């Protein structure tokens, strides 16, 4: 498959010729505010799990998350457990460390 690549100061472009014609892939820097959601997407968290996990990453307690998102404590705990499972950790501390480590290795 023929390919060509070009780089500017801020954006990298790659073009590959495939069966359906030509495709262009644009790779650009991600704003820090978007990086968290991207990492959570990569781990397969649902939008609800992402909202809860983002607050965990900011240091919110379960009680604070309940108040902020108007959820039942059990619902918050279920979302946090699902995040643990998807990221492969067993505690909030490990969750934060794993996601920050992922952010650093990608950033």
N, C-alpha and C. Protein backbone atom coordinates (compact mmCIF):
# COMPACT_ATOMS: atom_id res chain seq x y z
N UNK A 1 0.85 -1.16 0.00
CA UNK A 1 0.00 0.00 0.00
C UNK A 1 0.90 1.24 0.00
N UNK A 2 0.88 2.05 -1.04
CA UNK A 2 1.72 3.26 -1.08
C UNK A 2 1.30 4.22 0.03
N UNK A 3 2.29 4.89 0.60
CA UNK A 3 1.99 5.85 1.66
C UNK A 3 2.91 7.04 1.55
N UNK A 4 2.45 8.17 2.04
CA UNK A 4 3.29 9.35 2.10
C UNK A 4 2.98 10.06 3.40
N UNK A 5 3.93 10.76 3.94
CA UNK A 5 3.72 11.48 5.20
C UNK A 5 4.35 12.85 5.10
N UNK A 6 3.77 13.80 5.78
CA UNK A 6 4.30 15.16 5.85
C UNK A 6 4.06 15.68 7.25
N UNK A 7 4.93 16.57 7.69
CA UNK A 7 4.79 17.14 9.02
C UNK A 7 4.92 18.65 8.95
N UNK A 8 4.03 19.33 9.65
CA UNK A 8 4.18 20.77 9.84
C UNK A 8 4.58 20.97 11.29
N UNK A 9 4.73 22.20 11.73
CA UNK A 9 5.12 22.43 13.12
C UNK A 9 4.07 21.95 14.11
N UNK A 10 2.80 21.97 13.73
CA UNK A 10 1.75 21.65 14.69
C UNK A 10 0.93 20.41 14.35
N UNK A 11 0.96 19.96 13.10
CA UNK A 11 0.12 18.84 12.70
C UNK A 11 0.91 17.88 11.83
N UNK A 12 0.69 16.58 12.03
CA UNK A 12 1.32 15.56 11.20
C UNK A 12 0.23 14.97 10.31
N UNK A 13 0.53 14.78 9.05
CA UNK A 13 -0.41 14.21 8.11
C UNK A 13 0.15 12.90 7.57
N UNK A 14 -0.69 11.94 7.38
CA UNK A 14 -0.28 10.70 6.73
C UNK A 14 -1.36 10.34 5.73
N UNK A 15 -0.96 9.94 4.56
CA UNK A 15 -1.93 9.58 3.53
C UNK A 15 -1.60 8.18 3.04
N UNK A 16 -2.61 7.32 2.96
CA UNK A 16 -2.39 5.96 2.48
C UNK A 16 -3.42 5.65 1.41
N UNK A 17 -3.01 4.96 0.39
CA UNK A 17 -3.91 4.57 -0.68
C UNK A 17 -4.48 3.20 -0.34
N UNK A 18 -5.79 3.11 -0.26
CA UNK A 18 -6.42 1.84 0.06
C UNK A 18 -7.34 1.41 -1.06
N UNK A 19 -8.08 0.33 -0.85
CA UNK A 19 -8.98 -0.19 -1.87
C UNK A 19 -10.07 0.80 -2.25
N UNK A 20 -10.55 1.57 -1.27
CA UNK A 20 -11.66 2.48 -1.52
C UNK A 20 -11.18 3.85 -1.99
N UNK A 21 -9.92 4.01 -2.29
CA UNK A 21 -9.41 5.31 -2.71
C UNK A 21 -8.40 5.82 -1.71
N UNK A 22 -8.24 7.12 -1.69
CA UNK A 22 -7.23 7.70 -0.82
C UNK A 22 -7.85 8.16 0.50
N UNK A 23 -7.13 7.92 1.58
CA UNK A 23 -7.56 8.34 2.91
C UNK A 23 -6.51 9.27 3.49
N UNK A 24 -6.92 10.17 4.34
CA UNK A 24 -5.99 11.06 5.04
C UNK A 24 -6.21 10.89 6.54
N UNK A 25 -5.13 10.71 7.24
CA UNK A 25 -5.17 10.61 8.70
C UNK A 25 -4.46 11.83 9.24
N UNK A 26 -5.12 12.58 10.12
CA UNK A 26 -4.52 13.76 10.71
C UNK A 26 -4.27 13.47 12.18
N UNK A 27 -3.03 13.66 12.59
CA UNK A 27 -2.65 13.47 13.98
C UNK A 27 -2.24 14.83 14.51
N UNK A 28 -2.95 15.30 15.53
CA UNK A 28 -2.61 16.60 16.07
C UNK A 28 -2.53 16.55 17.59
N UNK A 29 -1.83 17.51 18.17
CA UNK A 29 -1.71 17.52 19.63
C UNK A 29 -3.08 17.64 20.29
N UNK A 30 -3.21 17.04 21.44
CA UNK A 30 -4.46 17.08 22.18
C UNK A 30 -4.32 18.09 23.32
N UNK A 31 -5.34 18.90 23.49
CA UNK A 31 -5.35 19.85 24.61
C UNK A 31 -5.42 19.06 25.92
N UNK A 32 -4.76 19.53 26.96
CA UNK A 32 -4.78 18.81 28.23
C UNK A 32 -6.20 18.52 28.73
N UNK A 33 -7.12 19.43 28.50
CA UNK A 33 -8.50 19.22 28.95
C UNK A 33 -9.15 18.04 28.24
N UNK A 34 -8.72 17.73 27.02
CA UNK A 34 -9.29 16.63 26.27
C UNK A 34 -8.59 15.30 26.55
N UNK A 35 -7.39 15.36 27.10
CA UNK A 35 -6.60 14.15 27.28
C UNK A 35 -7.27 13.16 28.23
N UNK A 36 -7.85 13.67 29.32
CA UNK A 36 -8.52 12.79 30.27
C UNK A 36 -9.63 12.00 29.62
N UNK A 37 -10.50 12.68 28.87
CA UNK A 37 -11.61 11.97 28.21
C UNK A 37 -11.10 10.98 27.19
N UNK A 38 -10.04 11.34 26.50
CA UNK A 38 -9.47 10.43 25.51
C UNK A 38 -8.97 9.16 26.17
N UNK A 39 -8.27 9.29 27.29
CA UNK A 39 -7.77 8.12 28.00
C UNK A 39 -8.91 7.25 28.51
N UNK A 40 -9.97 7.90 29.01
CA UNK A 40 -11.11 7.14 29.51
C UNK A 40 -11.82 6.45 28.36
N UNK A 41 -11.90 7.10 27.21
CA UNK A 41 -12.47 6.47 26.00
C UNK A 41 -11.65 5.24 25.62
N UNK A 42 -10.34 5.37 25.65
CA UNK A 42 -9.46 4.27 25.28
C UNK A 42 -9.66 3.05 26.17
N UNK A 43 -10.05 3.29 27.41
CA UNK A 43 -10.30 2.19 28.34
C UNK A 43 -11.72 1.65 28.23
N UNK A 44 -12.55 2.28 27.39
CA UNK A 44 -13.90 1.79 27.16
C UNK A 44 -14.93 2.20 28.20
N UNK A 45 -14.66 3.27 28.95
CA UNK A 45 -15.63 3.73 29.93
C UNK A 45 -16.82 4.39 29.24
N UNK A 46 -18.01 4.14 29.77
CA UNK A 46 -19.21 4.78 29.24
C UNK A 46 -19.19 6.26 29.63
N UNK A 47 -20.03 7.08 29.00
CA UNK A 47 -20.07 8.51 29.38
C UNK A 47 -20.35 8.71 30.88
N UNK A 48 -21.26 7.93 31.45
CA UNK A 48 -21.57 8.07 32.89
C UNK A 48 -20.35 7.68 33.73
N UNK A 49 -19.67 6.59 33.36
CA UNK A 49 -18.47 6.18 34.08
C UNK A 49 -17.37 7.23 33.95
N UNK A 50 -17.28 7.85 32.79
CA UNK A 50 -16.28 8.89 32.58
C UNK A 50 -16.54 10.09 33.47
N UNK A 51 -17.81 10.53 33.58
CA UNK A 51 -18.14 11.68 34.43
C UNK A 51 -17.72 11.41 35.88
N UNK A 52 -18.04 10.23 36.37
CA UNK A 52 -17.68 9.88 37.75
C UNK A 52 -16.16 9.78 37.89
N UNK A 53 -15.50 9.12 36.96
CA UNK A 53 -14.05 8.94 37.03
C UNK A 53 -13.31 10.27 36.94
N UNK A 54 -13.79 11.18 36.13
CA UNK A 54 -13.15 12.50 36.04
C UNK A 54 -13.19 13.20 37.40
N UNK A 55 -14.29 13.04 38.14
CA UNK A 55 -14.37 13.64 39.47
C UNK A 55 -13.47 12.91 40.46
N UNK A 56 -13.35 11.59 40.33
CA UNK A 56 -12.41 10.83 41.16
C UNK A 56 -11.00 11.36 40.92
N UNK A 57 -10.65 11.60 39.66
CA UNK A 57 -9.32 12.10 39.32
C UNK A 57 -9.06 13.48 39.90
N UNK A 58 -10.14 14.23 40.13
CA UNK A 58 -10.00 15.56 40.73
C UNK A 58 -10.01 15.51 42.26
N UNK A 59 -10.11 14.29 42.82
CA UNK A 59 -10.04 14.13 44.26
C UNK A 59 -11.37 14.18 44.99
N UNK A 60 -12.48 14.12 44.26
CA UNK A 60 -13.80 14.16 44.89
C UNK A 60 -14.07 12.85 45.62
N UNK A 61 -14.72 12.93 46.76
CA UNK A 61 -15.15 11.74 47.50
C UNK A 61 -16.46 11.23 46.88
N UNK A 62 -16.87 10.03 47.28
CA UNK A 62 -18.14 9.50 46.79
C UNK A 62 -19.27 10.45 47.15
N UNK A 63 -19.28 10.93 48.37
CA UNK A 63 -20.34 11.85 48.82
C UNK A 63 -20.38 13.11 47.95
N UNK A 64 -19.21 13.68 47.64
CA UNK A 64 -19.15 14.88 46.80
C UNK A 64 -19.64 14.59 45.38
N UNK A 65 -19.30 13.41 44.87
CA UNK A 65 -19.75 13.03 43.52
C UNK A 65 -21.26 12.86 43.51
N UNK A 66 -21.80 12.23 44.56
CA UNK A 66 -23.26 12.07 44.69
C UNK A 66 -23.94 13.43 44.63
N UNK A 67 -23.43 14.38 45.40
CA UNK A 67 -24.03 15.72 45.44
C UNK A 67 -23.87 16.45 44.11
N UNK A 68 -22.71 16.34 43.51
CA UNK A 68 -22.44 17.07 42.27
C UNK A 68 -23.25 16.54 41.10
N UNK A 69 -23.37 15.20 40.98
CA UNK A 69 -24.04 14.59 39.83
C UNK A 69 -25.48 14.15 40.11
N UNK A 70 -25.94 14.34 41.36
CA UNK A 70 -27.30 13.94 41.75
C UNK A 70 -27.55 12.45 41.46
N UNK A 71 -26.63 11.62 41.95
CA UNK A 71 -26.74 10.17 41.79
C UNK A 71 -26.85 9.52 43.16
N UNK A 72 -27.30 8.28 43.19
CA UNK A 72 -27.31 7.49 44.40
C UNK A 72 -25.88 7.04 44.70
N UNK A 73 -25.50 6.92 45.96
CA UNK A 73 -24.15 6.45 46.31
C UNK A 73 -23.83 5.10 45.66
N UNK A 74 -24.81 4.20 45.62
CA UNK A 74 -24.59 2.89 45.01
C UNK A 74 -24.24 3.03 43.52
N UNK A 75 -24.89 3.96 42.84
CA UNK A 75 -24.63 4.18 41.41
C UNK A 75 -23.20 4.68 41.22
N UNK A 76 -22.78 5.61 42.07
CA UNK A 76 -21.41 6.12 41.98
C UNK A 76 -20.42 4.98 42.19
N UNK A 77 -20.65 4.16 43.21
CA UNK A 77 -19.76 3.05 43.49
C UNK A 77 -19.71 2.05 42.33
N UNK A 78 -20.84 1.80 41.71
CA UNK A 78 -20.88 0.90 40.54
C UNK A 78 -20.04 1.46 39.40
N UNK A 79 -20.14 2.77 39.15
CA UNK A 79 -19.34 3.39 38.09
C UNK A 79 -17.85 3.33 38.42
N UNK A 80 -17.52 3.55 39.68
CA UNK A 80 -16.11 3.49 40.09
C UNK A 80 -15.58 2.07 39.94
N UNK A 81 -16.37 1.07 40.36
CA UNK A 81 -15.93 -0.33 40.21
C UNK A 81 -15.76 -0.70 38.74
N UNK A 82 -16.67 -0.22 37.90
CA UNK A 82 -16.55 -0.50 36.47
C UNK A 82 -15.26 0.11 35.91
N UNK A 83 -14.92 1.31 36.37
CA UNK A 83 -13.67 1.95 35.94
C UNK A 83 -12.47 1.12 36.41
N UNK A 84 -12.51 0.63 37.65
CA UNK A 84 -11.43 -0.23 38.14
C UNK A 84 -11.24 -1.43 37.22
N UNK A 85 -12.36 -2.08 36.91
CA UNK A 85 -12.29 -3.28 36.06
C UNK A 85 -11.72 -2.96 34.68
N UNK A 86 -12.17 -1.87 34.09
CA UNK A 86 -11.75 -1.54 32.72
C UNK A 86 -10.31 -1.07 32.66
N UNK A 87 -9.84 -0.42 33.73
CA UNK A 87 -8.46 0.06 33.76
C UNK A 87 -7.53 -1.02 34.32
N UNK A 88 -8.10 -1.98 35.03
CA UNK A 88 -7.31 -3.08 35.57
C UNK A 88 -6.66 -2.76 36.91
N UNK A 89 -7.39 -2.05 37.77
CA UNK A 89 -6.87 -1.68 39.09
C UNK A 89 -7.89 -2.08 40.16
N UNK A 90 -7.52 -1.85 41.44
CA UNK A 90 -8.40 -2.25 42.52
C UNK A 90 -8.72 -1.17 43.53
N UNK A 91 -8.23 0.06 43.31
CA UNK A 91 -8.52 1.13 44.26
C UNK A 91 -8.48 2.49 43.55
N UNK A 92 -9.01 3.50 44.24
CA UNK A 92 -8.97 4.85 43.67
C UNK A 92 -7.53 5.30 43.45
N UNK A 93 -6.69 5.03 44.41
CA UNK A 93 -5.28 5.43 44.29
C UNK A 93 -4.65 4.80 43.05
N UNK A 94 -4.90 3.51 42.85
CA UNK A 94 -4.34 2.82 41.67
C UNK A 94 -4.96 3.36 40.39
N UNK A 95 -6.25 3.69 40.42
CA UNK A 95 -6.93 4.24 39.25
C UNK A 95 -6.28 5.56 38.83
N UNK A 96 -6.11 6.45 39.80
CA UNK A 96 -5.50 7.75 39.52
C UNK A 96 -4.08 7.56 39.00
N UNK A 97 -3.32 6.70 39.65
CA UNK A 97 -1.92 6.47 39.23
C UNK A 97 -1.86 5.91 37.82
N UNK A 98 -2.71 4.93 37.52
CA UNK A 98 -2.70 4.30 36.19
C UNK A 98 -3.07 5.31 35.11
N UNK A 99 -4.08 6.13 35.38
CA UNK A 99 -4.50 7.10 34.36
C UNK A 99 -3.49 8.23 34.21
N UNK A 100 -2.88 8.66 35.30
CA UNK A 100 -1.85 9.69 35.19
C UNK A 100 -0.63 9.14 34.48
N UNK A 101 -0.29 7.90 34.75
CA UNK A 101 0.85 7.25 34.07
C UNK A 101 0.55 7.15 32.58
N UNK A 102 -0.69 6.80 32.24
CA UNK A 102 -1.10 6.73 30.83
C UNK A 102 -1.04 8.09 30.17
N UNK A 103 -1.44 9.12 30.91
CA UNK A 103 -1.40 10.48 30.40
C UNK A 103 0.04 10.91 30.14
N UNK A 104 0.94 10.59 31.06
CA UNK A 104 2.34 10.99 30.92
C UNK A 104 3.00 10.26 29.76
N UNK A 105 2.68 8.98 29.57
CA UNK A 105 3.33 8.23 28.50
C UNK A 105 2.80 8.63 27.14
N UNK A 106 1.59 9.19 27.09
CA UNK A 106 1.03 9.62 25.81
C UNK A 106 1.29 11.10 25.55
N UNK A 107 1.63 11.86 26.59
CA UNK A 107 1.75 13.30 26.48
C UNK A 107 3.10 13.75 26.19
